[in-house]
Amino acid sequence: MKEDTKFSKDLLAFIKEWKKKPGNLIMVLHRVQEEFGYVSRESADKVAELLDIPLATIYGVLSFYHFFKTTKPGEHNIQVCLGTACYLKGGEMLVEELTSLLGIEVGAVTGDGKFSLEGVRCVGCCGLAPVLTVGGEVFGKVTKDQLPGIIAKFN
């Protein structure tokens, strides 16, 4: 069994608790992603088996909601906010600079698996625009000159 299908006891208990509740699939997929950082094909297969629902239903949810990831992110996932405030204050410029610094495009992972890059719609810190997060740590009023230092902090 692959590492990302070895569900913890807590996750298995959560799935058992939610098995018969309405809206269970989204809640279970959130917990799977919380545990592994993404929802792998193997994890989706296991969820389908445990909830007794078709795999196609799971992929329908995974592909509809942008929150869910189906590929493993880097050790440090960089999320650049591209919501209105951040976009207007230079969010897209931050993405361009990060693609240059990291040598990857949005949605990709560096060759060493250290960083992944994604654009997100809003992180809820509009007053700090432009904003990016690295593994949940928020950086506000970011300029492109600050990016090498932010990356170095996680290297």
Protein backbone atom coordinates (compact mmCIF):
# COMPACT_ATOMS: atom_id res chain seq x y z
CA MET A 1 0.00 0.00 0.00
CA LYS A 2 1.36 3.41 -0.95
CA GLU A 3 2.21 5.83 1.83
CA ASP A 4 -0.62 8.20 0.90
CA THR A 5 -3.30 5.55 1.33
CA LYS A 6 -2.32 4.62 4.86
CA PHE A 7 -5.10 6.54 6.51
CA SER A 8 -4.51 7.43 10.14
CA LYS A 9 -6.78 6.06 12.84
CA ASP A 10 -8.20 9.57 13.27
CA LEU A 11 -9.02 9.84 9.57
CA LEU A 12 -10.64 6.41 9.50
CA ALA A 13 -12.70 7.32 12.59
CA PHE A 14 -13.75 10.59 10.94
CA ILE A 15 -14.86 8.76 7.79
CA LYS A 16 -16.81 6.24 9.87
CA GLU A 17 -18.48 9.10 11.79
CA TRP A 18 -19.43 10.94 8.58
CA LYS A 19 -20.33 7.91 6.43
CA LYS A 20 -24.11 8.32 6.73
CA LYS A 21 -24.29 12.13 7.05
CA PRO A 22 -25.42 14.40 4.21
CA GLY A 23 -22.52 16.31 2.64
CA ASN A 24 -20.07 13.69 3.84
CA LEU A 25 -17.95 13.53 0.70
CA ILE A 26 -16.68 17.11 0.82
CA MET A 27 -15.96 16.84 4.54
CA VAL A 28 -14.06 13.56 4.07
CA LEU A 29 -12.06 14.90 1.11
CA HIS A 30 -11.09 17.96 3.16
CA ARG A 31 -9.76 15.67 5.89
CA VAL A 32 -7.88 13.48 3.40
CA GLN A 33 -6.25 16.57 1.90
CA GLU A 34 -5.47 17.89 5.37
CA GLU A 35 -3.69 14.63 6.17
CA PHE A 36 -1.71 14.23 2.93
CA GLY A 37 -1.61 17.70 1.37
CA TYR A 38 -3.59 16.46 -1.64
CA VAL A 39 -6.01 13.74 -2.70
CA SER A 40 -4.15 11.05 -4.65
CA ARG A 41 -5.84 8.56 -6.95
CA GLU A 42 -5.15 5.85 -4.38
CA SER A 43 -6.72 7.93 -1.60
CA ALA A 44 -9.75 8.64 -3.80
CA ASP A 45 -10.09 4.89 -4.45
CA LYS A 46 -10.00 4.21 -0.71
CA VAL A 47 -12.59 6.92 0.02
CA ALA A 48 -14.85 5.45 -2.68
CA GLU A 49 -14.55 2.05 -1.05
CA LEU A 50 -15.09 3.32 2.52
CA LEU A 51 -18.09 5.51 1.62
CA ASP A 52 -19.43 3.03 -0.94
CA ILE A 53 -19.74 5.66 -3.69
CA PRO A 54 -18.49 5.66 -7.28
CA LEU A 55 -15.00 6.99 -7.97
CA ALA A 56 -16.52 9.19 -10.68
CA THR A 57 -18.56 11.00 -8.02
CA ILE A 58 -15.39 11.72 -6.06
CA TYR A 59 -13.60 13.07 -9.14
CA GLY A 60 -16.64 15.18 -9.94
CA VAL A 61 -16.20 16.92 -6.58
CA LEU A 62 -12.39 17.09 -6.83
CA SER A 63 -12.50 18.69 -10.27
CA PHE A 64 -15.33 21.11 -9.45
CA TYR A 65 -13.83 22.67 -6.31
CA HIS A 66 -10.53 24.49 -6.86
CA PHE A 67 -9.55 23.98 -3.23
CA PHE A 68 -8.79 20.30 -3.82
CA LYS A 69 -5.40 19.25 -5.16
CA THR A 70 -4.90 15.96 -6.99
CA THR A 71 -1.13 16.28 -7.33
CA LYS A 72 1.34 16.37 -4.48
CA PRO A 73 2.45 19.92 -3.68
CA GLY A 74 6.02 20.87 -2.84
CA GLU A 75 7.30 20.77 0.71
CA HIS A 76 6.62 24.53 0.80
CA ASN A 77 3.53 25.52 -1.18
CA ILE A 78 3.63 29.15 -2.24
CA GLN A 79 0.19 30.64 -2.84
CA VAL A 80 0.03 34.06 -4.45
CA CYS A 81 -3.27 35.85 -3.99
CA LEU A 82 -4.79 36.99 -7.27
CA GLY A 83 -8.00 38.36 -5.82
CA THR A 84 -9.00 41.84 -6.95
CA ALA A 85 -7.02 43.87 -4.38
CA CYS A 86 -3.88 41.75 -4.70
CA TYR A 87 -4.11 41.62 -8.48
CA LEU A 88 -4.42 45.41 -8.72
CA LYS A 89 -1.47 45.89 -6.37
CA GLY A 90 0.91 43.56 -8.23
CA GLY A 91 -0.04 39.95 -7.51
CA GLU A 92 0.50 38.92 -11.13
CA MET A 93 3.97 40.53 -11.06
CA LEU A 94 4.79 38.39 -8.00
CA VAL A 95 3.73 35.26 -9.88
CA GLU A 96 5.93 36.20 -12.85
CA GLU A 97 8.92 36.83 -10.59
CA LEU A 98 8.40 33.58 -8.68
CA THR A 99 8.19 31.57 -11.89
CA SER A 100 11.52 33.09 -12.87
CA LEU A 101 13.17 32.57 -9.45
CA LEU A 102 11.91 29.01 -8.98
CA GLY A 103 12.08 27.92 -12.61
CA ILE A 104 8.52 26.55 -12.55
CA GLU A 105 5.12 27.59 -13.79
CA VAL A 106 1.98 27.96 -11.70
CA GLY A 107 0.73 24.51 -10.72
CA ALA A 108 4.20 22.94 -10.84
CA VAL A 109 6.70 21.67 -8.28
CA THR A 110 10.44 22.35 -8.31
CA GLY A 111 12.63 19.42 -9.33
CA ASP A 112 13.85 18.95 -5.77
CA GLY A 113 10.24 18.89 -4.48
CA LYS A 114 10.93 21.84 -2.19
CA PHE A 115 8.50 24.40 -3.63
CA SER A 116 5.22 24.46 -5.51
CA LEU A 117 3.50 27.55 -6.83
CA GLU A 118 -0.16 28.36 -7.22
CA GLY A 119 -2.38 31.36 -7.76
CA VAL A 120 -5.35 31.60 -5.42
CA ARG A 121 -8.38 33.85 -5.54
CA CYS A 122 -8.35 35.33 -2.04
CA VAL A 123 -6.60 34.71 1.26
CA GLY A 124 -8.69 37.23 3.18
CA CYS A 125 -5.96 39.79 3.80
CA CYS A 126 -6.98 42.45 1.27
CA GLY A 127 -5.60 45.27 3.43
CA LEU A 128 -2.13 43.73 3.09
CA ALA A 129 -2.22 43.41 -0.71
CA PRO A 130 -0.36 41.99 -2.48
CA VAL A 131 -0.23 38.88 -0.33
CA LEU A 132 1.35 35.46 -0.61
CA THR A 133 1.44 32.55 1.78
CA VAL A 134 4.04 29.85 2.23
CA GLY A 135 2.73 26.85 4.10
CA GLY A 136 0.14 28.99 5.84
CA GLU A 137 2.53 31.80 6.82
CA VAL A 138 1.21 35.10 5.44
CA PHE A 139 3.44 37.72 3.83
CA GLY A 140 1.78 41.08 3.15
CA LYS A 141 2.61 44.13 1.06
CA VAL A 142 5.14 41.98 -0.79
CA THR A 143 7.41 43.47 -3.43
CA LYS A 144 9.28 41.44 -6.01
CA ASP A 145 12.55 42.47 -4.33
CA GLN A 146 11.45 40.65 -1.15
CA LEU A 147 10.83 37.33 -2.92
CA PRO A 148 14.41 35.97 -2.83
CA GLY A 149 14.50 36.53 0.95
CA ILE A 150 11.13 34.85 1.44
CA ILE A 151 12.28 31.83 -0.59
CA ALA A 152 15.57 31.69 1.31
CA LYS A 153 13.67 31.51 4.58
CA PHE A 154 12.27 28.13 3.51
CA ASN A 155 15.31 26.75 1.69
